[in-house]
Amino acid sequence: MAVPKKKTSNGKRDQRKATWKRKAALQAQRALSLGKSVLTGRSKGFYYPQDEDETEEDA
């Protein structure tokens, strides 16, 4: 016969939610940092192709 599962405690639920939000905040911080480094030209861990047409127009 089927038995209902036990209820998850509020503390456990809040702990899972806090972990998820902490991971999301960390990823957002990393993305912002990467974006800033790409704009300044200091990025070493992120490579992207640059069109030669764009560099000629900027100069």
Protein backbone atom coordinates (compact mmCIF):
# COMPACT_ATOMS: atom_id res chain seq x y z
CA MET A 1 0.00 0.00 0.00
CA ALA A 2 1.25 3.51 -0.83
CA VAL A 3 2.56 5.60 2.03
CA PRO A 4 2.72 9.40 1.84
CA LYS A 5 6.16 10.98 2.04
CA LYS A 6 7.19 13.06 5.02
CA LYS A 7 6.83 16.82 4.78
CA THR A 8 10.01 18.77 4.09
CA SER A 9 10.85 21.10 6.96
CA ASN A 10 10.85 24.86 6.46
CA GLY A 11 14.54 25.02 7.32
CA LYS A 12 15.47 22.50 4.66
CA ARG A 13 13.34 24.31 2.09
CA ASP A 14 14.89 27.67 2.95
CA GLN A 15 18.38 26.17 2.83
CA ARG A 16 17.80 24.89 -0.72
CA LYS A 17 16.43 28.25 -1.82
CA ALA A 18 19.40 30.12 -0.28
CA THR A 19 21.87 27.82 -2.05
CA TRP A 20 20.12 28.39 -5.38
CA LYS A 21 20.12 32.17 -4.92
CA ARG A 22 23.79 32.17 -3.86
CA LYS A 23 24.75 30.26 -7.02
CA ALA A 24 22.73 32.66 -9.18
CA ALA A 25 24.34 35.72 -7.56
CA LEU A 26 27.82 34.26 -8.05
CA GLN A 27 27.16 33.53 -11.75
CA ALA A 28 25.81 37.06 -12.25
CA GLN A 29 28.93 38.52 -10.61
CA ARG A 30 31.19 36.41 -12.84
CA ALA A 31 29.27 37.42 -15.97
CA LEU A 32 29.55 41.10 -15.09
CA SER A 33 33.26 40.75 -14.38
CA LEU A 34 33.81 38.98 -17.70
CA GLY A 35 31.85 41.64 -19.55
CA LYS A 36 33.94 44.40 -17.97
CA SER A 37 37.19 42.66 -18.81
CA VAL A 38 36.11 42.12 -22.42
CA LEU A 39 35.24 45.80 -22.77
CA THR A 40 38.59 46.92 -21.37
CA GLY A 41 40.50 44.35 -23.43
CA ARG A 42 42.08 42.68 -20.41
CA SER A 43 40.30 39.35 -20.69
CA LYS A 44 42.57 36.33 -20.86
CA GLY A 45 40.07 33.50 -20.38
CA PHE A 46 37.59 34.56 -23.04
CA TYR A 47 38.38 34.73 -26.73
CA TYR A 48 36.07 35.93 -29.44
CA PRO A 49 36.64 36.63 -33.13
CA GLN A 50 37.04 40.26 -34.10
CA ASP A 51 36.02 41.28 -37.58
CA GLU A 52 38.67 43.28 -39.37
CA ASP A 53 35.95 45.61 -40.69
CA GLU A 54 35.04 46.70 -37.17
CA THR A 55 38.62 47.55 -36.22
CA GLU A 56 39.09 49.64 -39.37
CA GLU A 57 35.92 51.65 -38.72
CA ASP A 58 36.94 52.41 -35.13
CA ALA A 59 40.42 53.63 -36.07
